[in-house]
C-alpha atoms as a PDB file:
ATOM      1  CA  ALA A   1      78.323-173.732 -39.789  1.00  0.00           C
ATOM      2  CA  ILE A   2      81.143-173.245 -37.288  1.00  0.00           C
ATOM      3  CA  LEU A   3      83.395-170.222 -37.847  1.00  0.00           C
ATOM      4  CA  PRO A   4      86.540-170.369 -35.676  1.00  0.00           C
ATOM      5  CA  VAL A   5      88.756-167.279 -35.610  1.00  0.00           C
ATOM      6  CA  HIS A   6      92.529-167.795 -35.414  1.00  0.00           C
ATOM      7  CA  LEU A   7      93.206-164.757 -33.240  1.00  0.00           C
ATOM      8  CA  MET A   8      96.640-163.041 -33.164  1.00  0.00           C
ATOM      9  CA  GLY A   9      98.068-165.898 -35.255  1.00  0.00           C
ATOM     10  CA  TYR A  10      97.253-168.658 -32.748  1.00  0.00           C
ATOM     11  CA  PRO A  11      95.308-171.528 -34.358  1.00  0.00           C
ATOM     12  CA  CYS A  12      92.059-172.778 -32.897  1.00  0.00           C
ATOM     13  CA  ARG A  13      91.796-176.430 -31.827  1.00  0.00           C
ATOM     14  CA  MET A  14      90.731-177.577 -35.261  1.00  0.00           C
ATOM     15  CA  ASP A  15      90.732-181.313 -34.547  1.00  0.00           C
ATOM     16  CA  GLU A  16      88.126-180.836 -31.836  1.00  0.00           C
ATOM     17  CA  LEU A  17      86.095-178.494 -34.020  1.00  0.00           C
ATOM     18  CA  HIS A  18      86.154-180.978 -36.898  1.00  0.00           C
ATOM     19  CA  ALA A  19      84.827-183.654 -34.554  1.00  0.00           C
ATOM     20  CA  ILE A  20      81.964-181.386 -33.466  1.00  0.00           C
ATOM     21  CA  ALA A  21      81.194-180.425 -37.068  1.00  0.00           C
ATOM     22  CA  ASP A  22      81.179-184.062 -38.194  1.00  0.00           C
ATOM     23  CA  ARG A  23      78.964-185.100 -35.285  1.00  0.00           C
ATOM     24  CA  HIS A  24      76.334-182.468 -36.069  1.00  0.00           C
ATOM     25  CA  GLY A  25      76.632-182.295 -39.858  1.00  0.00           C
ATOM     26  CA  LEU A  26      78.017-178.746 -39.854  1.00  0.00           C
ATOM     27  CA  VAL A  27      80.295-176.960 -42.306  1.00  0.00           C
ATOM     28  CA  LEU A  28      83.594-175.750 -40.831  1.00  0.00           C
ATOM     29  CA  LEU A  29      84.791-172.378 -42.136  1.00  0.00           C
ATOM     30  CA  GLU A  30      87.946-170.568 -40.982  1.00  0.00           C
ATOM     31  CA  ASP A  31      88.604-166.918 -40.294  1.00  0.00           C
ATOM     32  CA  ALA A  32      92.353-166.914 -40.951  1.00  0.00           C
ATOM     33  CA  ALA A  33      92.630-163.139 -41.380  1.00  0.00           C
ATOM     34  CA  GLN A  34      95.152-162.946 -38.519  1.00  0.00           C
ATOM     35  CA  ALA A  35      96.962-166.232 -39.158  1.00  0.00           C
ATOM     36  CA  HIS A  36      98.745-165.937 -42.491  1.00  0.00           C
ATOM     37  CA  GLY A  37     101.337-168.718 -42.488  1.00  0.00           C
ATOM     38  CA  THR A  38     100.446-170.360 -39.157  1.00  0.00           C
ATOM     39  CA  ASP A  39     101.000-174.125 -39.215  1.00  0.00           C
ATOM     40  CA  TYR A  40      98.553-176.578 -37.668  1.00  0.00           C
ATOM     41  CA  GLY A  41      99.407-180.254 -37.892  1.00  0.00           C
ATOM     42  CA  GLY A  42     101.493-179.740 -41.015  1.00  0.00           C
ATOM     43  CA  LYS A  43      98.846-177.693 -42.836  1.00  0.00           C
ATOM     44  CA  LYS A  44      98.377-173.939 -43.027  1.00  0.00           C
ATOM     45  CA  CYS A  45      95.498-172.114 -41.410  1.00  0.00           C
ATOM     46  CA  GLY A  46      92.958-171.343 -44.082  1.00  0.00           C
ATOM     47  CA  SER A  47      93.271-174.833 -45.569  1.00  0.00           C
ATOM     48  CA  LEU A  48      91.773-176.755 -42.642  1.00  0.00           C
ATOM     49  CA  GLY A  49      88.058-176.318 -43.333  1.00  0.00           C
ATOM     50  CA  THR A  50      85.635-176.256 -46.226  1.00  0.00           C
ATOM     51  CA  ALA A  51      86.728-172.678 -46.879  1.00  0.00           C
ATOM     52  CA  GLY A  52      89.045-170.119 -45.325  1.00  0.00           C
ATOM     53  CA  ILE A  53      88.936-166.336 -45.388  1.00  0.00           C
ATOM     54  CA  PHE A  54      91.904-163.955 -45.314  1.00  0.00           C
ATOM     55  CA  SER A  55      92.297-160.221 -44.971  1.00  0.00           C
ATOM     56  CA  PHE A  56      95.240-158.284 -46.370  1.00  0.00           C
ATOM     57  CA  TYR A  57      94.534-155.139 -44.371  1.00  0.00           C
ATOM     58  CA  ILE A  58      97.646-153.032 -43.800  1.00  0.00           C
ATOM     59  CA  ALA A  59      98.120-154.260 -40.204  1.00  0.00           C
ATOM     60  CA  HIS A  60      98.128-157.934 -41.175  1.00  0.00           C
ATOM     61  CA  ASN A  61     101.116-160.145 -41.904  1.00  0.00           C
ATOM     62  CA  ILE A  62     100.598-160.033 -45.677  1.00  0.00           C
ATOM     63  CA  GLN A  63      99.582-156.473 -46.503  1.00  0.00           C
ATOM     64  CA  ALA A  64      97.871-155.067 -49.580  1.00  0.00           C
ATOM     65  CA  GLY A  65      95.944-152.101 -48.223  1.00  0.00           C
ATOM     66  CA  GLU A  66      92.288-153.163 -48.320  1.00  0.00           C
ATOM     67  CA  MET A  67      91.743-156.598 -49.846  1.00  0.00           C
ATOM     68  CA  GLY A  68      90.819-160.137 -48.910  1.00  0.00           C
ATOM     69  CA  CYS A  69      90.418-163.593 -50.367  1.00  0.00           C
ATOM     70  CA  VAL A  70      88.618-166.896 -49.901  1.00  0.00           C
ATOM     71  CA  THR A  71      90.429-170.233 -50.153  1.00  0.00           C
ATOM     72  CA  THR A  72      88.533-173.441 -50.896  1.00  0.00           C
ATOM     73  CA  ASP A  73      88.723-176.663 -52.881  1.00  0.00           C
ATOM     74  CA  ASP A  74      84.934-176.705 -53.286  1.00  0.00           C
ATOM     75  CA  ASP A  75      84.073-175.644 -56.847  1.00  0.00           C
ATOM     76  CA  GLY A  76      80.551-174.579 -55.885  1.00  0.00           C
ATOM     77  CA  ILE A  77      81.811-172.242 -53.159  1.00  0.00           C
ATOM     78  CA  ALA A  78      84.500-170.822 -55.460  1.00  0.00           C
ATOM     79  CA  ARG A  79      81.943-169.992 -58.147  1.00  0.00           C
ATOM     80  CA  ALA A  80      79.467-168.537 -55.627  1.00  0.00           C
ATOM     81  CA  VAL A  81      82.150-166.292 -54.104  1.00  0.00           C
ATOM     82  CA  LYS A  82      83.140-165.031 -57.542  1.00  0.00           C
ATOM     83  CA  LYS A  83      79.527-164.196 -58.319  1.00  0.00           C
ATOM     84  CA  ILE A  84      78.804-162.508 -54.994  1.00  0.00           C
ATOM     85  CA  LYS A  85      81.869-160.260 -55.249  1.00  0.00           C
ATOM     86  CA  THR A  86      80.844-159.055 -58.721  1.00  0.00           C
ATOM     87  CA  ASN A  87      77.324-157.850 -58.025  1.00  0.00           C
ATOM     88  CA  GLY A  88      75.821-161.362 -58.127  1.00  0.00           C
ATOM     89  CA  ARG A  89      75.942-161.563 -61.896  1.00  0.00           C
ATOM     90  CA  GLU A  90      75.410-164.858 -63.653  1.00  0.00           C
ATOM     91  CA  CYS A  91      78.945-165.171 -65.033  1.00  0.00           C
ATOM     92  CA  ASP A  92      80.910-167.644 -62.928  1.00  0.00           C
ATOM     93  CA  CYS A  93      83.385-169.281 -65.307  1.00  0.00           C
ATOM     94  CA  PRO A  94      87.011-169.323 -64.069  1.00  0.00           C
ATOM     95  CA  VAL A  95      88.110-167.968 -67.463  1.00  0.00           C
ATOM     96  CA  CYS A  96      85.718-166.162 -69.799  1.00  0.00           C
ATOM     97  CA  THR A  97      85.365-167.847 -73.208  1.00  0.00           C
ATOM     98  CA  ARG A  98      83.092-165.273 -74.878  1.00  0.00           C
ATOM     99  CA  ALA A  99      85.972-164.015 -77.055  1.00  0.00           C
ATOM    100  CA  GLU A 100      86.275-167.541 -78.478  1.00  0.00           C
ATOM    101  CA  GLY A 101      82.597-167.566 -79.403  1.00  0.00           C
ATOM    102  CA  ARG A 102      81.737-169.946 -76.556  1.00  0.00           C
ATOM    103  CA  CYS A 103      79.678-169.128 -73.483  1.00  0.00           C
ATOM    104  CA  PRO A 104      77.782-171.790 -71.523  1.00  0.00           C
ATOM    105  CA  ARG A 105      75.239-169.215 -70.311  1.00  0.00           C
ATOM    106  CA  LEU A 106      74.868-167.124 -73.445  1.00  0.00           C
ATOM    107  CA  SER A 107      71.302-168.094 -74.259  1.00  0.00           C
ATOM    108  CA  SER A 108      69.921-169.047 -70.843  1.00  0.00           C
ATOM    109  CA  PRO A 109      66.733-167.141 -69.998  1.00  0.00           C
ATOM    110  CA  GLY A 110      66.582-164.464 -67.363  1.00  0.00           C
ATOM    111  CA  VAL A 111      63.619-163.468 -65.207  1.00  0.00           C
ATOM    112  CA  TRP A 112      60.216-163.916 -66.920  1.00  0.00           C
ATOM    113  CA  GLY A 113      61.992-165.762 -69.751  1.00  0.00           C
ATOM    114  CA  GLN A 114      63.657-162.603 -71.062  1.00  0.00           C
ATOM    115  CA  SER A 115      67.239-163.259 -72.152  1.00  0.00           C
ATOM    116  CA  LEU A 116      68.494-159.657 -72.078  1.00  0.00           C
ATOM    117  CA  ASP A 117      70.018-160.440 -75.470  1.00  0.00           C
ATOM    118  CA  GLY A 118      71.543-163.581 -73.999  1.00  0.00           C
ATOM    119  CA  ASP A 119      74.403-161.740 -72.229  1.00  0.00           C
ATOM    120  CA  PRO A 120      75.091-163.203 -68.728  1.00  0.00           C
ATOM    121  CA  ARG A 121      77.338-160.257 -67.839  1.00  0.00           C
ATOM    122  CA  PHE A 122      74.176-158.236 -67.326  1.00  0.00           C
ATOM    123  CA  ARG A 123      71.994-160.869 -65.670  1.00  0.00           C
ATOM    124  CA  HIS A 124      72.086-161.317 -61.913  1.00  0.00           C
ATOM    125  CA  ASP A 125      70.868-164.526 -60.295  1.00  0.00           C
ATOM    126  CA  LEU A 126      72.171-163.644 -56.800  1.00  0.00           C
ATOM    127  CA  VAL A 127      72.081-160.488 -54.706  1.00  0.00           C
ATOM    128  CA  GLY A 128      75.744-159.553 -54.696  1.00  0.00           C
ATOM    129  CA  TYR A 129      78.146-156.746 -53.870  1.00  0.00           C
ATOM    130  CA  ASN A 130      80.865-154.734 -55.546  1.00  0.00           C
ATOM    131  CA  PHE A 131      83.935-156.254 -53.878  1.00  0.00           C
ATOM    132  CA  LYS A 132      86.249-155.938 -56.842  1.00  0.00           C
ATOM    133  CA  VAL A 133      89.689-154.365 -56.382  1.00  0.00           C
ATOM    134  CA  MET A 134      92.069-152.649 -58.763  1.00  0.00           C
ATOM    135  CA  GLU A 135      95.217-154.373 -59.986  1.00  0.00           C
ATOM    136  CA  PHE A 136      97.318-152.249 -57.624  1.00  0.00           C
ATOM    137  CA  GLN A 137      96.332-154.101 -54.426  1.00  0.00           C
ATOM    138  CA  PRO A 138      97.029-157.614 -55.791  1.00  0.00           C
ATOM    139  CA  ALA A 139     100.390-156.367 -57.094  1.00  0.00           C
ATOM    140  CA  LEU A 140     101.280-155.258 -53.552  1.00  0.00           C
ATOM    141  CA  GLY A 141     100.082-158.564 -52.166  1.00  0.00           C
ATOM    142  CA  LEU A 142     102.179-160.595 -54.601  1.00  0.00           C
ATOM    143  CA  THR A 143     105.349-158.742 -53.595  1.00  0.00           C
ATOM    144  CA  GLN A 144     104.514-159.508 -49.946  1.00  0.00           C
ATOM    145  CA  LEU A 145     103.984-163.205 -50.698  1.00  0.00           C
ATOM    146  CA  ARG A 146     107.479-163.437 -52.144  1.00  0.00           C
ATOM    147  CA  LYS A 147     108.773-162.207 -48.754  1.00  0.00           C
ATOM    148  CA  ALA A 148     106.258-164.143 -46.643  1.00  0.00           C
ATOM    149  CA  ASP A 149     108.651-166.525 -44.884  1.00  0.00           C
ATOM    150  CA  ALA A 150     110.996-163.683 -43.954  1.00  0.00           C
ATOM    151  CA  ILE A 151     108.052-161.666 -42.606  1.00  0.00           C
ATOM    152  CA  PHE A 152     106.782-164.557 -40.490  1.00  0.00           C
ATOM    153  CA  HIS A 153     110.277-165.324 -39.144  1.00  0.00           C
ATOM    154  CA  ALA A 154     110.979-161.696 -38.215  1.00  0.00           C
ATOM    155  CA  ARG A 155     107.709-161.457 -36.285  1.00  0.00           C
ATOM    156  CA  GLN A 156     108.483-164.696 -34.460  1.00  0.00           C
ATOM    157  CA  GLU A 157     111.905-163.413 -33.450  1.00  0.00           C
ATOM    158  CA  ASN A 158     110.371-160.196 -32.151  1.00  0.00           C
ATOM    159  CA  VAL A 159     107.884-162.157 -30.021  1.00  0.00           C
ATOM    160  CA  ARG A 160     110.734-164.298 -28.702  1.00  0.00           C
ATOM    161  CA  ALA A 161     112.715-161.157 -27.809  1.00  0.00           C
ATOM    162  CA  LEU A 162     109.741-159.427 -26.176  1.00  0.00           C
ATOM    163  CA  ASN A 163     109.046-162.488 -24.038  1.00  0.00           C
ATOM    164  CA  ALA A 164     112.679-162.557 -22.910  1.00  0.00           C
ATOM    165  CA  ARG A 165     112.651-158.852 -22.037  1.00  0.00           C
ATOM    166  CA  LEU A 166     109.218-158.691 -20.396  1.00  0.00           C
ATOM    167  CA  GLY A 167     109.365-161.992 -18.535  1.00  0.00           C
ATOM    168  CA  ARG A 168     110.434-160.173 -15.352  1.00  0.00           C
ATOM    169  CA  PHE A 169     106.995-158.548 -15.240  1.00  0.00           C
ATOM    170  CA  SER A 170     105.161-161.888 -15.086  1.00  0.00           C
ATOM    171  CA  ASP A 171     103.668-161.019 -11.685  1.00  0.00           C
ATOM    172  CA  VAL A 172     101.767-158.236 -13.470  1.00  0.00           C
ATOM    173  CA  LEU A 173     101.367-159.555 -17.030  1.00  0.00           C
ATOM    174  CA  ASP A 174     100.365-162.806 -18.691  1.00  0.00           C
ATOM    175  CA  LEU A 175     102.731-163.121 -21.664  1.00  0.00           C
ATOM    176  CA  PRO A 176     101.856-164.964 -24.896  1.00  0.00           C
ATOM    177  CA  PRO A 177     103.272-168.493 -25.207  1.00  0.00           C
ATOM    178  CA  PHE A 178     105.921-168.715 -27.928  1.00  0.00           C
ATOM    179  CA  ASP A 179     105.426-171.280 -30.687  1.00  0.00           C
ATOM    180  CA  GLU A 180     107.540-171.581 -33.843  1.00  0.00           C
ATOM    181  CA  ARG A 181     104.470-172.762 -35.776  1.00  0.00           C
ATOM    182  CA  VAL A 182     102.633-169.483 -35.135  1.00  0.00           C
ATOM    183  CA  SER A 183     102.819-166.539 -37.522  1.00  0.00           C
ATOM    184  CA  TYR A 184     102.209-163.637 -35.134  1.00  0.00           C
ATOM    185  CA  LEU A 185      99.891-160.786 -36.017  1.00  0.00           C
ATOM    186  CA  ALA A 186     100.770-158.891 -32.838  1.00  0.00           C
ATOM    187  CA  TYR A 187     102.041-159.350 -29.281  1.00  0.00           C
ATOM    188  CA  PRO A 188      99.095-159.926 -26.900  1.00  0.00           C
ATOM    189  CA  LEU A 189      99.294-159.404 -23.133  1.00  0.00           C
ATOM    190  CA  ALA A 190      96.810-159.541 -20.282  1.00  0.00           C
ATOM    191  CA  VAL A 191      97.023-157.598 -17.011  1.00  0.00           C
ATOM    192  CA  ARG A 192      96.703-159.994 -14.083  1.00  0.00           C
ATOM    193  CA  GLU A 193      93.784-159.274 -11.786  1.00  0.00           C
ATOM    194  CA  THR A 194      96.040-159.976  -8.798  1.00  0.00           C
ATOM    195  CA  SER A 195      98.303-157.075  -9.787  1.00  0.00           C
ATOM    196  CA  GLY A 196      95.671-154.501  -8.854  1.00  0.00           C
ATOM    197  CA  ILE A 197      96.522-152.576 -12.054  1.00  0.00           C
ATOM    198  CA  ARG A 198      93.846-151.488 -14.488  1.00  0.00           C
ATOM    199  CA  ARG A 199      94.495-152.068 -18.159  1.00  0.00           C
ATOM    200  CA  GLY A 200      93.579-148.496 -19.103  1.00  0.00           C
ATOM    201  CA  ASP A 201      96.085-147.042 -16.629  1.00  0.00           C
ATOM    202  CA  LEU A 202      98.906-149.213 -17.947  1.00  0.00           C
ATOM    203  CA  ARG A 203      98.069-148.487 -21.582  1.00  0.00           C
ATOM    204  CA  ALA A 204      97.980-144.746 -20.890  1.00  0.00           C
ATOM    205  CA  ALA A 205     101.337-144.904 -19.110  1.00  0.00           C
ATOM    206  CA  LEU A 206     102.922-146.811 -22.000  1.00  0.00           C
ATOM    207  CA  GLU A 207     101.591-144.411 -24.611  1.00  0.00           C
ATOM    208  CA  GLU A 208     102.948-141.469 -22.619  1.00  0.00           C
ATOM    209  CA  ARG A 209     106.341-143.118 -23.090  1.00  0.00           C
ATOM    210  CA  GLY A 210     105.950-143.577 -26.837  1.00  0.00           C
ATOM    211  CA  VAL A 211     104.695-147.181 -26.963  1.00  0.00           C
ATOM    212  CA  GLU A 212     101.415-147.530 -28.833  1.00  0.00           C
ATOM    213  CA  THR A 213      98.936-150.152 -27.614  1.00  0.00           C
ATOM    214  CA  ARG A 214      95.494-151.455 -28.579  1.00  0.00           C
ATOM    215  CA  PRO A 215      92.847-153.190 -26.446  1.00  0.00           C
ATOM    216  CA  LEU A 216      92.375-156.845 -27.331  1.00  0.00           C
ATOM    217  CA  PHE A 217      88.992-156.673 -29.023  1.00  0.00           C
ATOM    218  CA  GLY A 218      86.098-156.192 -26.656  1.00  0.00           C
ATOM    219  CA  CYS A 219      84.217-158.270 -29.173  1.00  0.00           C
ATOM    220  CA  ILE A 220      81.513-160.025 -27.219  1.00  0.00           C
ATOM    221  CA  PRO A 221      78.103-158.306 -27.091  1.00  0.00           C
ATOM    222  CA  LEU A 222      78.615-157.576 -23.403  1.00  0.00           C
ATOM    223  CA  HIS A 223      81.343-155.045 -24.290  1.00  0.00           C
ATOM    224  CA  GLN A 224      79.753-153.255 -27.231  1.00  0.00           C
ATOM    225  CA  PRO A 225      77.317-150.336 -26.871  1.00  0.00           C
ATOM    226  CA  ALA A 226      75.651-151.367 -30.132  1.00  0.00           C
ATOM    227  CA  TYR A 227      74.533-154.604 -28.433  1.00  0.00           C
ATOM    228  CA  ARG A 228      73.512-153.154 -25.086  1.00  0.00           C
ATOM    229  CA  ASP A 229      70.221-155.062 -25.303  1.00  0.00           C
ATOM    230  CA  TYR A 230      72.198-158.320 -25.094  1.00  0.00           C
ATOM    231  CA  GLN A 231      74.284-157.453 -22.041  1.00  0.00           C
ATOM    232  CA  LYS A 232      72.121-159.199 -19.454  1.00  0.00           C
ATOM    233  CA  ARG A 233      71.722-162.209 -21.735  1.00  0.00           C
ATOM    234  CA  TYR A 234      75.476-162.752 -22.090  1.00  0.00           C
ATOM    235  CA  GLU A 235      76.798-161.602 -18.710  1.00  0.00           C
ATOM    236  CA  GLY A 236      78.753-164.407 -17.055  1.00  0.00           C
ATOM    237  CA  ARG A 237      78.285-166.858 -19.930  1.00  0.00           C
ATOM    238  CA  LEU A 238      81.637-166.229 -21.643  1.00  0.00           C
ATOM    239  CA  PRO A 239      84.086-165.769 -18.738  1.00  0.00           C
ATOM    240  CA  ASN A 240      87.319-166.210 -20.720  1.00  0.00           C
ATOM    241  CA  ALA A 241      86.276-163.822 -23.496  1.00  0.00           C
ATOM    242  CA  GLU A 242      84.959-161.377 -20.902  1.00  0.00           C
ATOM    243  CA  HIS A 243      88.260-161.470 -18.992  1.00  0.00           C
ATOM    244  CA  LEU A 244      90.355-160.871 -22.120  1.00  0.00           C
ATOM    245  CA  GLY A 245      87.994-158.202 -23.411  1.00  0.00           C
ATOM    246  CA  LEU A 246      88.501-156.227 -20.188  1.00  0.00           C
ATOM    247  CA  ARG A 247      92.155-156.945 -19.312  1.00  0.00           C
ATOM    248  CA  ALA A 248      94.062-157.890 -22.501  1.00  0.00           C
ATOM    249  CA  PHE A 249      95.858-155.577 -24.922  1.00  0.00           C
ATOM    250  CA  TYR A 250      98.536-155.883 -27.547  1.00  0.00           C
ATOM    251  CA  LEU A 251     101.756-154.316 -28.813  1.00  0.00           C
ATOM    252  CA  GLY A 252     103.324-154.423 -32.246  1.00  0.00           C
ATOM    253  CA  CYS A 253     105.698-157.240 -33.228  1.00  0.00           C
ATOM    254  CA  HIS A 254     105.882-156.401 -36.934  1.00  0.00           C
ATOM    255  CA  GLN A 255     108.888-157.158 -39.104  1.00  0.00           C
ATOM    256  CA  TYR A 256     110.155-153.584 -39.139  1.00  0.00           C
ATOM    257  CA  LEU A 257     110.877-153.499 -35.409  1.00  0.00           C
ATOM    258  CA  GLU A 258     114.559-153.422 -34.500  1.00  0.00           C
ATOM    259  CA  ARG A 259     116.287-154.337 -31.256  1.00  0.00           C
ATOM    260  CA  GLY A 260     116.405-150.671 -30.284  1.00  0.00           C
ATOM    261  CA  ASP A 261     112.613-150.554 -30.505  1.00  0.00           C
ATOM    262  CA  ILE A 262     112.343-153.545 -28.188  1.00  0.00           C
ATOM    263  CA  ASP A 263     114.715-151.796 -25.754  1.00  0.00           C
ATOM    264  CA  ILE A 264     112.281-148.868 -25.724  1.00  0.00           C
ATOM    265  CA  VAL A 265     109.352-151.191 -24.993  1.00  0.00           C
ATOM    266  CA  GLU A 266     111.186-152.792 -22.064  1.00  0.00           C
ATOM    267  CA  ARG A 267     112.163-149.458 -20.516  1.00  0.00           C
ATOM    268  CA  ALA A 268     108.686-148.032 -21.033  1.00  0.00           C
ATOM    269  CA  MET A 269     107.075-151.072 -19.410  1.00  0.00           C
ATOM    270  CA  GLU A 270     109.368-150.832 -16.401  1.00  0.00           C
ATOM    271  CA  ARG A 271     108.681-147.128 -15.912  1.00  0.00           C
ATOM    272  CA  ALA A 272     104.952-147.548 -16.509  1.00  0.00           C
ATOM    273  CA  ILE A 273     104.460-150.456 -14.100  1.00  0.00           C
ATOM    274  CA  ALA A 274     106.528-149.197 -11.146  1.00  0.00           C
ATOM    275  CA  PRO A 275     104.317-146.267 -10.070  1.00  0.00           C
ATOM    276  CA  LEU A 276     101.121-148.250 -10.701  1.00  0.00           C
ATOM    277  CA  VAL A 277     102.274-151.082  -8.407  1.00  0.00           C
ATOM    278  CA  LEU A 278     103.116-148.581  -5.658  1.00  0.00           C
ATOM    279  CA  ARG A 279      99.648-147.018  -5.617  1.00  0.00           C
END
């Protein structure tokens, strides 16, 4: 399978990935956890492959605390996901019909031909997990979905405003391209190598001035201590990911930011960059 990740709301080049998948007989799955609402060719991210996965973690565009979902039009995948999330038990009907005296799996045998009294709720034909959530998280998510378009629009406007304010620092920073089809998770930046500024110094200077930042995912094995045994194997093989993992970071662009907050970001960036450039 191919698993593209739509990072920070920007969609991957799905047409090219579909062509590769078709050529090699691969399944195309999407990690759309950071791209709620992003449009690609008139379709939403998460609907472009055989299946899509979403996260509703509190920092994401649609927020429900800790929860996720899988989207697919493949009935086999839908049933398998339902089973895996509920301990791998045999029940996989969309709606349970036991109360009506009907169950398609009621008398099917279990291991060694034992039926466990014919109750599929207590038979497990897959190794699964307990990924069930309480009703509270979906209730939060549903309220967010009713406000989804407003959330996406507010984040887009904040990215547009940040680009306008921070454009004068383009000799130091690579700014994110603005696109009205993108539903932004955050506002990513990269420190130009030609600036002579280290990312850590700039992030520290911004945080001293009240602007929180995060590094942009040092997510290749080269950057993670847990995969130190792979460092020599990967060094130099992923230059773009390596560059971003070492020099990129991001700021918030969430819907609760106001223009005064963006003023603070602009002033903080100016005061953080000036002494670093003069070193």
